[in-house]
C-alpha cells in the first residue's frame, strides 16, 4: 500500500506489473475501492505498469468534506500521475471513473494517449436523481441504497452467488461523506460538448445487464469520439470487470496491442 500526499488530499494507490512498463491507469466506480480491478490486473499482458488508486472519499484515501466537483476529481488524477511521473498512459475509467477519464483527456492529452470508458457516459443520470439519492443516504445511510445498487450493478446469477456479499459490504463501508461528495460531482457533470472534441484512441465497454449505464447510453457516448471502438459484454451488469474479468481483460489487452501501447 502506498500513499501520495498531494497537499489538500492524500490518495491511496497501488502499482503492479512491470515498473518500467507501459502505464495503464485504472479509476474505480462510485462506492468501490481499487480492489475492483484485482482480477483484470492479474490478467494484463506483460510489459504493463498497472496503476490503481482510490479516489478521494473512498477506500484508504483521505475523505475531505464534500461536496466535490468533477474538476477536483480530475485534478486529483492529474496530480497523482504527475506525482508518479506518468505520461502517455492509457486511462481506464469505470462509471464515475469514466467521467474522470473524459475530463482528464480533455485537460491533459500529454498524460493520456488512449482511453477506455467503461459503463459510463458523458452525462450520467439527472440532477434530480442524484439529489434524491443524496437525500436517501443522509436519512438512512448507504445501507438504504445497497439492495437497489446490487440490482443495477450485477446480473441475477451473480446476485444469487455468495460473492455478491463482498461487493455489498464494500459499498456500505465507504465513507458516507466521500460517497455523497462524489454523487454531487456526477450530478453536476455534462461532458457531451468537451468529449465530442476528443480524437484519441478510445474503447467503450458496456454490460448487457447494466442498470446504471445501459449499453445504448455507453454506445451514444462512444459515438461522440471519432474512431472509437465499442464492445458489449453479455451477461454482465455495471461492473463487468467483476463478473467477466477474463473477457474484460482480453478486450482491454487487445486494445492496448492495437494502439501499440504494449
C-alpha atoms as a PDB file:
ATOM      1  CA  UNK A   1       0.000   0.000   0.000  1.00  0.00           C
ATOM      2  CA  UNK A   2       1.283   3.450  -0.927  1.00  0.00           C
ATOM      3  CA  UNK A   3       0.016   6.959  -0.291  1.00  0.00           C
ATOM      4  CA  UNK A   4       0.519  10.049  -2.451  1.00  0.00           C
ATOM      5  CA  UNK A   5       0.397  13.260  -0.422  1.00  0.00           C
ATOM      6  CA  UNK A   6      -0.950  15.841  -2.852  1.00  0.00           C
ATOM      7  CA  UNK A   7      -1.323  18.603  -0.285  1.00  0.00           C
ATOM      8  CA  UNK A   8      -5.057  19.012   0.120  1.00  0.00           C
ATOM      9  CA  UNK A   9      -5.699  15.269  -0.217  1.00  0.00           C
ATOM     10  CA  UNK A  10      -3.762  12.024   0.227  1.00  0.00           C
ATOM     11  CA  UNK A  11      -4.581   9.263  -2.262  1.00  0.00           C
ATOM     12  CA  UNK A  12      -4.020   5.565  -1.733  1.00  0.00           C
ATOM     13  CA  UNK A  13      -2.570   3.900  -4.823  1.00  0.00           C
ATOM     14  CA  UNK A  14      -1.049   0.611  -5.896  1.00  0.00           C
ATOM     15  CA  UNK A  15       1.248  -0.433  -8.723  1.00  0.00           C
ATOM     16  CA  UNK A  16       1.519  -3.920 -10.240  1.00  0.00           C
ATOM     17  CA  UNK A  17       3.366  -5.459 -13.163  1.00  0.00           C
ATOM     18  CA  UNK A  18       6.468  -4.048 -14.814  1.00  0.00           C
ATOM     19  CA  UNK A  19       7.599  -0.814 -13.068  1.00  0.00           C
ATOM     20  CA  UNK A  20       9.237   0.258 -16.347  1.00  0.00           C
ATOM     21  CA  UNK A  21       6.328  -0.882 -18.496  1.00  0.00           C
ATOM     22  CA  UNK A  22       3.622   0.958 -20.397  1.00  0.00           C
ATOM     23  CA  UNK A  23       1.390   2.723 -17.847  1.00  0.00           C
ATOM     24  CA  UNK A  24      -2.274   1.718 -17.638  1.00  0.00           C
ATOM     25  CA  UNK A  25      -4.242   3.635 -15.004  1.00  0.00           C
ATOM     26  CA  UNK A  26      -7.490   2.305 -13.540  1.00  0.00           C
ATOM     27  CA  UNK A  27     -10.152   4.534 -11.954  1.00  0.00           C
ATOM     28  CA  UNK A  28     -12.973   2.976  -9.924  1.00  0.00           C
ATOM     29  CA  UNK A  29     -16.735   3.320  -9.883  1.00  0.00           C
ATOM     30  CA  UNK A  30     -18.726   5.064  -7.160  1.00  0.00           C
ATOM     31  CA  UNK A  31     -18.818   3.038  -3.937  1.00  0.00           C
ATOM     32  CA  UNK A  32     -15.822   0.829  -4.794  1.00  0.00           C
ATOM     33  CA  UNK A  33     -12.130   0.818  -3.990  1.00  0.00           C
ATOM     34  CA  UNK A  34      -9.202  -0.284  -6.125  1.00  0.00           C
ATOM     35  CA  UNK A  35      -9.892  -3.969  -5.464  1.00  0.00           C
ATOM     36  CA  UNK A  36     -12.473  -3.595  -8.243  1.00  0.00           C
ATOM     37  CA  UNK A  37      -9.656  -4.341 -10.699  1.00  0.00           C
ATOM     38  CA  UNK A  38      -7.910  -7.247  -8.932  1.00  0.00           C
ATOM     39  CA  UNK A  39      -8.767  -9.975 -11.414  1.00  0.00           C
ATOM     40  CA  UNK A  40      -8.320  -7.830 -14.524  1.00  0.00           C
ATOM     41  CA  UNK A  41      -4.894  -6.573 -13.440  1.00  0.00           C
ATOM     42  CA  UNK A  42      -3.792 -10.158 -12.811  1.00  0.00           C
ATOM     43  CA  UNK A  43      -4.622 -10.963 -16.460  1.00  0.00           C
ATOM     44  CA  UNK A  44      -2.888  -7.993 -18.077  1.00  0.00           C
ATOM     45  CA  UNK A  45      -0.280  -8.759 -20.750  1.00  0.00           C
ATOM     46  CA  UNK A  46       3.404  -8.490 -19.970  1.00  0.00           C
ATOM     47  CA  UNK A  47       5.029  -5.082 -20.183  1.00  0.00           C
ATOM     48  CA  UNK A  48       2.207  -3.230 -18.417  1.00  0.00           C
ATOM     49  CA  UNK A  49       2.666  -0.940 -15.416  1.00  0.00           C
ATOM     50  CA  UNK A  50      -0.796  -1.156 -13.823  1.00  0.00           C
ATOM     51  CA  UNK A  51      -1.637   1.793 -11.574  1.00  0.00           C
ATOM     52  CA  UNK A  52      -4.769   1.839  -9.424  1.00  0.00           C
ATOM     53  CA  UNK A  53      -5.961   4.391  -6.906  1.00  0.00           C
ATOM     54  CA  UNK A  54      -8.815   5.173  -4.539  1.00  0.00           C
ATOM     55  CA  UNK A  55     -10.437   8.484  -5.419  1.00  0.00           C
ATOM     56  CA  UNK A  56     -10.958  10.950  -2.575  1.00  0.00           C
ATOM     57  CA  UNK A  57     -13.572   9.850  -0.086  1.00  0.00           C
ATOM     58  CA  UNK A  58     -13.183   6.159  -0.978  1.00  0.00           C
ATOM     59  CA  UNK A  59     -11.152   3.195   0.190  1.00  0.00           C
ATOM     60  CA  UNK A  60      -7.959   4.145   2.025  1.00  0.00           C
ATOM     61  CA  UNK A  61      -7.685   7.640   0.550  1.00  0.00           C
ATOM     62  CA  UNK A  62      -8.413  10.747   2.592  1.00  0.00           C
ATOM     63  CA  UNK A  63     -12.010  11.891   2.854  1.00  0.00           C
ATOM     64  CA  UNK A  64     -12.242  15.702   2.754  1.00  0.00           C
ATOM     65  CA  UNK A  65     -15.589  17.318   3.402  1.00  0.00           C
ATOM     66  CA  UNK A  66     -17.856  17.387   0.374  1.00  0.00           C
ATOM     67  CA  UNK A  67     -19.451  18.160  -1.892  1.00  0.00           C
ATOM     68  CA  UNK A  68     -16.820  17.515  -4.551  1.00  0.00           C
ATOM     69  CA  UNK A  69     -16.666  18.920  -8.061  1.00  0.00           C
ATOM     70  CA  UNK A  70     -15.779  16.766 -11.056  1.00  0.00           C
ATOM     71  CA  UNK A  71     -12.963  19.189 -11.791  1.00  0.00           C
ATOM     72  CA  UNK A  72     -11.480  18.325  -8.401  1.00  0.00           C
ATOM     73  CA  UNK A  73     -11.613  14.574  -9.096  1.00  0.00           C
ATOM     74  CA  UNK A  74      -9.997  15.138 -12.481  1.00  0.00           C
ATOM     75  CA  UNK A  75      -7.322  17.288 -10.843  1.00  0.00           C
ATOM     76  CA  UNK A  76      -6.668  14.544  -8.273  1.00  0.00           C
ATOM     77  CA  UNK A  77      -5.980  12.053 -11.084  1.00  0.00           C
ATOM     78  CA  UNK A  78      -3.821  14.598 -12.917  1.00  0.00           C
ATOM     79  CA  UNK A  79      -1.735  15.346  -9.837  1.00  0.00           C
ATOM     80  CA  UNK A  80      -1.343  11.654  -8.991  1.00  0.00           C
ATOM     81  CA  UNK A  81       0.056  10.931 -12.449  1.00  0.00           C
ATOM     82  CA  UNK A  82       2.394  13.906 -12.184  1.00  0.00           C
ATOM     83  CA  UNK A  83       3.440  12.632  -8.733  1.00  0.00           C
ATOM     84  CA  UNK A  84       4.238   9.220 -10.229  1.00  0.00           C
ATOM     85  CA  UNK A  85       5.997  10.675 -13.264  1.00  0.00           C
ATOM     86  CA  UNK A  86       3.461   9.139 -15.648  1.00  0.00           C
ATOM     87  CA  UNK A  87       2.806  10.396 -19.164  1.00  0.00           C
ATOM     88  CA  UNK A  88       1.252   8.817 -22.257  1.00  0.00           C
ATOM     89  CA  UNK A  89      -0.836   6.369 -20.255  1.00  0.00           C
ATOM     90  CA  UNK A  90      -3.967   4.504 -21.210  1.00  0.00           C
ATOM     91  CA  UNK A  91      -6.599   5.586 -18.696  1.00  0.00           C
ATOM     92  CA  UNK A  92      -9.302   3.046 -17.873  1.00  0.00           C
ATOM     93  CA  UNK A  93     -12.298   4.517 -16.057  1.00  0.00           C
ATOM     94  CA  UNK A  94     -15.493   2.769 -14.974  1.00  0.00           C
ATOM     95  CA  UNK A  95     -18.682   4.741 -14.223  1.00  0.00           C
ATOM     96  CA  UNK A  96     -17.539   7.898 -12.377  1.00  0.00           C
ATOM     97  CA  UNK A  97     -14.026   6.769 -13.316  1.00  0.00           C
ATOM     98  CA  UNK A  98     -15.114   7.063 -16.947  1.00  0.00           C
ATOM     99  CA  UNK A  99     -16.158  10.658 -16.352  1.00  0.00           C
ATOM    100  CA  UNK A 100     -12.742  11.296 -14.798  1.00  0.00           C
ATOM    101  CA  UNK A 101     -11.147   9.692 -17.877  1.00  0.00           C
ATOM    102  CA  UNK A 102     -13.037  12.021 -20.213  1.00  0.00           C
ATOM    103  CA  UNK A 103     -12.244  15.120 -18.156  1.00  0.00           C
ATOM    104  CA  UNK A 104      -8.554  14.235 -17.860  1.00  0.00           C
ATOM    105  CA  UNK A 105      -8.253  13.502 -21.579  1.00  0.00           C
ATOM    106  CA  UNK A 106      -9.737  16.893 -22.429  1.00  0.00           C
ATOM    107  CA  UNK A 107      -7.471  18.671 -19.943  1.00  0.00           C
ATOM    108  CA  UNK A 108      -4.157  16.823 -20.300  1.00  0.00           C
ATOM    109  CA  UNK A 109      -3.622  14.973 -23.564  1.00  0.00           C
ATOM    110  CA  UNK A 110       0.074  14.858 -22.685  1.00  0.00           C
ATOM    111  CA  UNK A 111      -0.849  12.431 -19.925  1.00  0.00           C
ATOM    112  CA  UNK A 112      -3.333  10.260 -21.823  1.00  0.00           C
ATOM    113  CA  UNK A 113      -2.665   8.601 -25.180  1.00  0.00           C
ATOM    114  CA  UNK A 114      -5.624   6.216 -25.066  1.00  0.00           C
ATOM    115  CA  UNK A 115      -8.840   5.967 -23.100  1.00  0.00           C
ATOM    116  CA  UNK A 116     -11.152   3.153 -22.006  1.00  0.00           C
ATOM    117  CA  UNK A 117     -14.581   4.376 -20.927  1.00  0.00           C
ATOM    118  CA  UNK A 118     -16.396   1.522 -19.244  1.00  0.00           C
ATOM    119  CA  UNK A 119     -20.034   1.500 -18.139  1.00  0.00           C
ATOM    120  CA  UNK A 120     -20.187   5.263 -18.220  1.00  0.00           C
ATOM    121  CA  UNK A 121     -21.458   8.186 -20.267  1.00  0.00           C
ATOM    122  CA  UNK A 122     -20.813  11.844 -20.991  1.00  0.00           C
ATOM    123  CA  UNK A 123     -23.672  12.553 -18.574  1.00  0.00           C
ATOM    124  CA  UNK A 124     -24.962  10.033 -16.026  1.00  0.00           C
ATOM    125  CA  UNK A 125     -28.494  10.484 -14.720  1.00  0.00           C
ATOM    126  CA  UNK A 126     -30.171  13.778 -13.848  1.00  0.00           C
ATOM    127  CA  UNK A 127     -29.511  16.326 -11.139  1.00  0.00           C
ATOM    128  CA  UNK A 128     -32.874  15.437  -9.551  1.00  0.00           C
ATOM    129  CA  UNK A 129     -31.997  11.735  -9.458  1.00  0.00           C
ATOM    130  CA  UNK A 130     -28.716  12.414  -7.689  1.00  0.00           C
ATOM    131  CA  UNK A 131     -30.356  14.825  -5.262  1.00  0.00           C
ATOM    132  CA  UNK A 132     -32.852  12.091  -4.350  1.00  0.00           C
ATOM    133  CA  UNK A 133     -30.009   9.625  -3.799  1.00  0.00           C
ATOM    134  CA  UNK A 134     -28.095  12.080  -1.632  1.00  0.00           C
ATOM    135  CA  UNK A 135     -31.222  12.689   0.475  1.00  0.00           C
ATOM    136  CA  UNK A 136     -31.812   8.947   0.886  1.00  0.00           C
ATOM    137  CA  UNK A 137     -28.236   8.369   2.093  1.00  0.00           C
ATOM    138  CA  UNK A 138     -28.396  11.288   4.502  1.00  0.00           C
ATOM    139  CA  UNK A 139     -31.534   9.781   6.005  1.00  0.00           C
ATOM    140  CA  UNK A 140     -30.713   6.076   6.021  1.00  0.00           C
ATOM    141  CA  UNK A 141     -27.021   5.702   5.224  1.00  0.00           C
ATOM    142  CA  UNK A 142     -25.589   3.877   2.216  1.00  0.00           C
ATOM    143  CA  UNK A 143     -27.301   0.723   3.505  1.00  0.00           C
ATOM    144  CA  UNK A 144     -30.620   2.240   2.384  1.00  0.00           C
ATOM    145  CA  UNK A 145     -29.480   2.026  -1.241  1.00  0.00           C
ATOM    146  CA  UNK A 146     -27.478  -1.190  -1.077  1.00  0.00           C
ATOM    147  CA  UNK A 147     -30.010  -3.709  -2.388  1.00  0.00           C
ATOM    148  CA  UNK A 148     -31.125  -1.487  -5.256  1.00  0.00           C
ATOM    149  CA  UNK A 149     -27.495  -0.819  -6.139  1.00  0.00           C
ATOM    150  CA  UNK A 150     -26.727  -4.542  -6.311  1.00  0.00           C
ATOM    151  CA  UNK A 151     -29.620  -4.942  -8.771  1.00  0.00           C
ATOM    152  CA  UNK A 152     -28.158  -2.270 -11.031  1.00  0.00           C
ATOM    153  CA  UNK A 153     -24.583  -3.479 -10.629  1.00  0.00           C
ATOM    154  CA  UNK A 154     -24.926  -7.208 -11.237  1.00  0.00           C
ATOM    155  CA  UNK A 155     -26.792  -9.785 -13.273  1.00  0.00           C
ATOM    156  CA  UNK A 156     -29.261 -12.021 -11.447  1.00  0.00           C
ATOM    157  CA  UNK A 157     -26.959 -15.101 -11.353  1.00  0.00           C
ATOM    158  CA  UNK A 158     -24.185 -13.078  -9.725  1.00  0.00           C
ATOM    159  CA  UNK A 159     -26.578 -11.501  -7.223  1.00  0.00           C
ATOM    160  CA  UNK A 160     -27.616 -15.003  -6.176  1.00  0.00           C
ATOM    161  CA  UNK A 161     -23.993 -16.084  -5.623  1.00  0.00           C
ATOM    162  CA  UNK A 162     -22.101 -15.715  -2.303  1.00  0.00           C
ATOM    163  CA  UNK A 163     -19.644 -13.308  -3.964  1.00  0.00           C
ATOM    164  CA  UNK A 164     -22.281 -10.573  -4.179  1.00  0.00           C
ATOM    165  CA  UNK A 165     -21.994 -10.073  -0.399  1.00  0.00           C
ATOM    166  CA  UNK A 166     -18.391  -8.911  -0.845  1.00  0.00           C
ATOM    167  CA  UNK A 167     -19.427  -6.045  -3.101  1.00  0.00           C
ATOM    168  CA  UNK A 168     -22.394  -5.099  -0.976  1.00  0.00           C
ATOM    169  CA  UNK A 169     -20.061  -4.888   2.028  1.00  0.00           C
ATOM    170  CA  UNK A 170     -17.549  -2.817   0.064  1.00  0.00           C
ATOM    171  CA  UNK A 171     -20.294  -0.373  -0.872  1.00  0.00           C
ATOM    172  CA  UNK A 172     -21.783   0.144   2.586  1.00  0.00           C
ATOM    173  CA  UNK A 173     -18.357   0.528   4.224  1.00  0.00           C
ATOM    174  CA  UNK A 174     -17.311   3.501   2.097  1.00  0.00           C
ATOM    175  CA  UNK A 175     -17.266   6.831   3.973  1.00  0.00           C
ATOM    176  CA  UNK A 176     -20.690   8.461   3.675  1.00  0.00           C
ATOM    177  CA  UNK A 177     -19.128  11.897   3.160  1.00  0.00           C
ATOM    178  CA  UNK A 178     -16.996  10.591   0.303  1.00  0.00           C
ATOM    179  CA  UNK A 179     -19.878   8.765  -1.336  1.00  0.00           C
ATOM    180  CA  UNK A 180     -22.092  11.848  -1.165  1.00  0.00           C
ATOM    181  CA  UNK A 181     -19.272  14.097  -2.333  1.00  0.00           C
ATOM    182  CA  UNK A 182     -18.847  12.002  -5.476  1.00  0.00           C
ATOM    183  CA  UNK A 183     -22.617  11.849  -6.044  1.00  0.00           C
ATOM    184  CA  UNK A 184     -22.570  15.643  -6.128  1.00  0.00           C
ATOM    185  CA  UNK A 185     -19.705  15.593  -8.636  1.00  0.00           C
ATOM    186  CA  UNK A 186     -21.606  13.288 -11.003  1.00  0.00           C
ATOM    187  CA  UNK A 187     -24.763  15.352 -10.581  1.00  0.00           C
ATOM    188  CA  UNK A 188     -23.099  18.473 -11.923  1.00  0.00           C
ATOM    189  CA  UNK A 189     -21.273  16.872 -14.862  1.00  0.00           C
ATOM    190  CA  UNK A 190     -22.220  17.078 -18.532  1.00  0.00           C
ATOM    191  CA  UNK A 191     -19.303  16.256 -20.821  1.00  0.00           C
ATOM    192  CA  UNK A 192     -21.191  15.964 -24.127  1.00  0.00           C
ATOM    193  CA  UNK A 193     -19.513  19.010 -25.673  1.00  0.00           C
ATOM    194  CA  UNK A 194     -15.915  18.510 -24.476  1.00  0.00           C
ATOM    195  CA  UNK A 195     -15.988  14.754 -25.106  1.00  0.00           C
ATOM    196  CA  UNK A 196     -17.237  15.299 -28.655  1.00  0.00           C
ATOM    197  CA  UNK A 197     -13.976  17.131 -29.374  1.00  0.00           C
ATOM    198  CA  UNK A 198     -11.750  14.194 -28.393  1.00  0.00           C
ATOM    199  CA  UNK A 199      -9.887  12.227 -31.073  1.00  0.00           C
ATOM    200  CA  UNK A 200      -7.628   9.917 -29.052  1.00  0.00           C
ATOM    201  CA  UNK A 201      -7.900   6.110 -29.389  1.00  0.00           C
ATOM    202  CA  UNK A 202     -10.912   5.075 -27.319  1.00  0.00           C
ATOM    203  CA  UNK A 203     -12.521   1.783 -26.307  1.00  0.00           C
ATOM    204  CA  UNK A 204     -16.014   1.858 -24.807  1.00  0.00           C
ATOM    205  CA  UNK A 205     -17.198  -1.174 -22.818  1.00  0.00           C
ATOM    206  CA  UNK A 206     -20.772  -1.887 -21.738  1.00  0.00           C
ATOM    207  CA  UNK A 207     -22.536  -4.685 -19.872  1.00  0.00           C
ATOM    208  CA  UNK A 208     -25.750  -6.096 -21.319  1.00  0.00           C
ATOM    209  CA  UNK A 209     -27.391  -6.215 -17.869  1.00  0.00           C
ATOM    210  CA  UNK A 210     -26.189  -2.800 -16.672  1.00  0.00           C
ATOM    211  CA  UNK A 211     -28.970  -0.985 -14.842  1.00  0.00           C
ATOM    212  CA  UNK A 212     -26.925   2.156 -14.156  1.00  0.00           C
ATOM    213  CA  UNK A 213     -25.460   2.974 -17.576  1.00  0.00           C
ATOM    214  CA  UNK A 214     -27.294   0.786 -20.120  1.00  0.00           C
ATOM    215  CA  UNK A 215     -25.465  -0.244 -23.315  1.00  0.00           C
ATOM    216  CA  UNK A 216     -27.257   2.311 -25.511  1.00  0.00           C
ATOM    217  CA  UNK A 217     -26.065   5.125 -23.252  1.00  0.00           C
ATOM    218  CA  UNK A 218     -22.461   3.905 -23.413  1.00  0.00           C
ATOM    219  CA  UNK A 219     -22.721   3.477 -27.185  1.00  0.00           C
ATOM    220  CA  UNK A 220     -24.081   7.021 -27.520  1.00  0.00           C
ATOM    221  CA  UNK A 221     -21.056   8.395 -25.682  1.00  0.00           C
ATOM    222  CA  UNK A 222     -18.661   6.302 -27.764  1.00  0.00           C
ATOM    223  CA  UNK A 223     -20.248   7.774 -30.893  1.00  0.00           C
ATOM    224  CA  UNK A 224     -19.122  11.238 -29.786  1.00  0.00           C
ATOM    225  CA  UNK A 225     -15.472  10.237 -30.236  1.00  0.00           C
ATOM    226  CA  UNK A 226     -14.224   9.762 -33.788  1.00  0.00           C
ATOM    227  CA  UNK A 227     -12.886   6.269 -34.433  1.00  0.00           C
ATOM    228  CA  UNK A 228     -13.847   4.822 -31.048  1.00  0.00           C
ATOM    229  CA  UNK A 229     -14.455   1.116 -30.571  1.00  0.00           C
ATOM    230  CA  UNK A 230     -17.451  -0.362 -28.714  1.00  0.00           C
ATOM    231  CA  UNK A 231     -17.632  -3.747 -27.010  1.00  0.00           C
ATOM    232  CA  UNK A 232     -20.645  -5.296 -25.282  1.00  0.00           C
ATOM    233  CA  UNK A 233     -20.025  -7.864 -22.560  1.00  0.00           C
ATOM    234  CA  UNK A 234     -23.076 -10.094 -22.410  1.00  0.00           C
ATOM    235  CA  UNK A 235     -24.388 -11.449 -19.130  1.00  0.00           C
ATOM    236  CA  UNK A 236     -22.700  -8.746 -17.047  1.00  0.00           C
ATOM    237  CA  UNK A 237     -24.021  -5.655 -15.297  1.00  0.00           C
ATOM    238  CA  UNK A 238     -22.405  -2.375 -14.293  1.00  0.00           C
ATOM    239  CA  UNK A 239     -19.146  -3.996 -13.153  1.00  0.00           C
ATOM    240  CA  UNK A 240     -18.198  -6.413 -15.957  1.00  0.00           C
ATOM    241  CA  UNK A 241     -14.610  -6.460 -14.707  1.00  0.00           C
ATOM    242  CA  UNK A 242     -16.008  -8.346 -11.693  1.00  0.00           C
ATOM    243  CA  UNK A 243     -18.489 -10.645 -13.429  1.00  0.00           C
ATOM    244  CA  UNK A 244     -16.493 -11.344 -16.603  1.00  0.00           C
ATOM    245  CA  UNK A 245     -12.854 -10.493 -15.807  1.00  0.00           C
ATOM    246  CA  UNK A 246     -11.449 -12.841 -18.445  1.00  0.00           C
ATOM    247  CA  UNK A 247     -13.382 -11.250 -21.307  1.00  0.00           C
ATOM    248  CA  UNK A 248     -12.758  -7.763 -19.918  1.00  0.00           C
ATOM    249  CA  UNK A 249      -9.001  -8.341 -19.736  1.00  0.00           C
ATOM    250  CA  UNK A 250      -8.936  -9.898 -23.211  1.00  0.00           C
ATOM    251  CA  UNK A 251     -10.743  -6.933 -24.779  1.00  0.00           C
ATOM    252  CA  UNK A 252      -8.581  -4.438 -22.901  1.00  0.00           C
ATOM    253  CA  UNK A 253      -5.383  -6.293 -23.758  1.00  0.00           C
ATOM    254  CA  UNK A 254      -6.326  -6.413 -27.444  1.00  0.00           C
ATOM    255  CA  UNK A 255      -6.973  -2.660 -27.417  1.00  0.00           C
ATOM    256  CA  UNK A 256      -3.583  -1.987 -25.829  1.00  0.00           C
ATOM    257  CA  UNK A 257      -1.888  -4.048 -28.545  1.00  0.00           C
ATOM    258  CA  UNK A 258      -3.923  -2.496 -31.386  1.00  0.00           C
ATOM    259  CA  UNK A 259      -2.856   1.033 -30.434  1.00  0.00           C
ATOM    260  CA  UNK A 260       0.763  -0.025 -29.910  1.00  0.00           C
ATOM    261  CA  UNK A 261       0.794   0.554 -26.156  1.00  0.00           C
ATOM    262  CA  UNK A 262       2.212  -2.915 -25.420  1.00  0.00           C
END
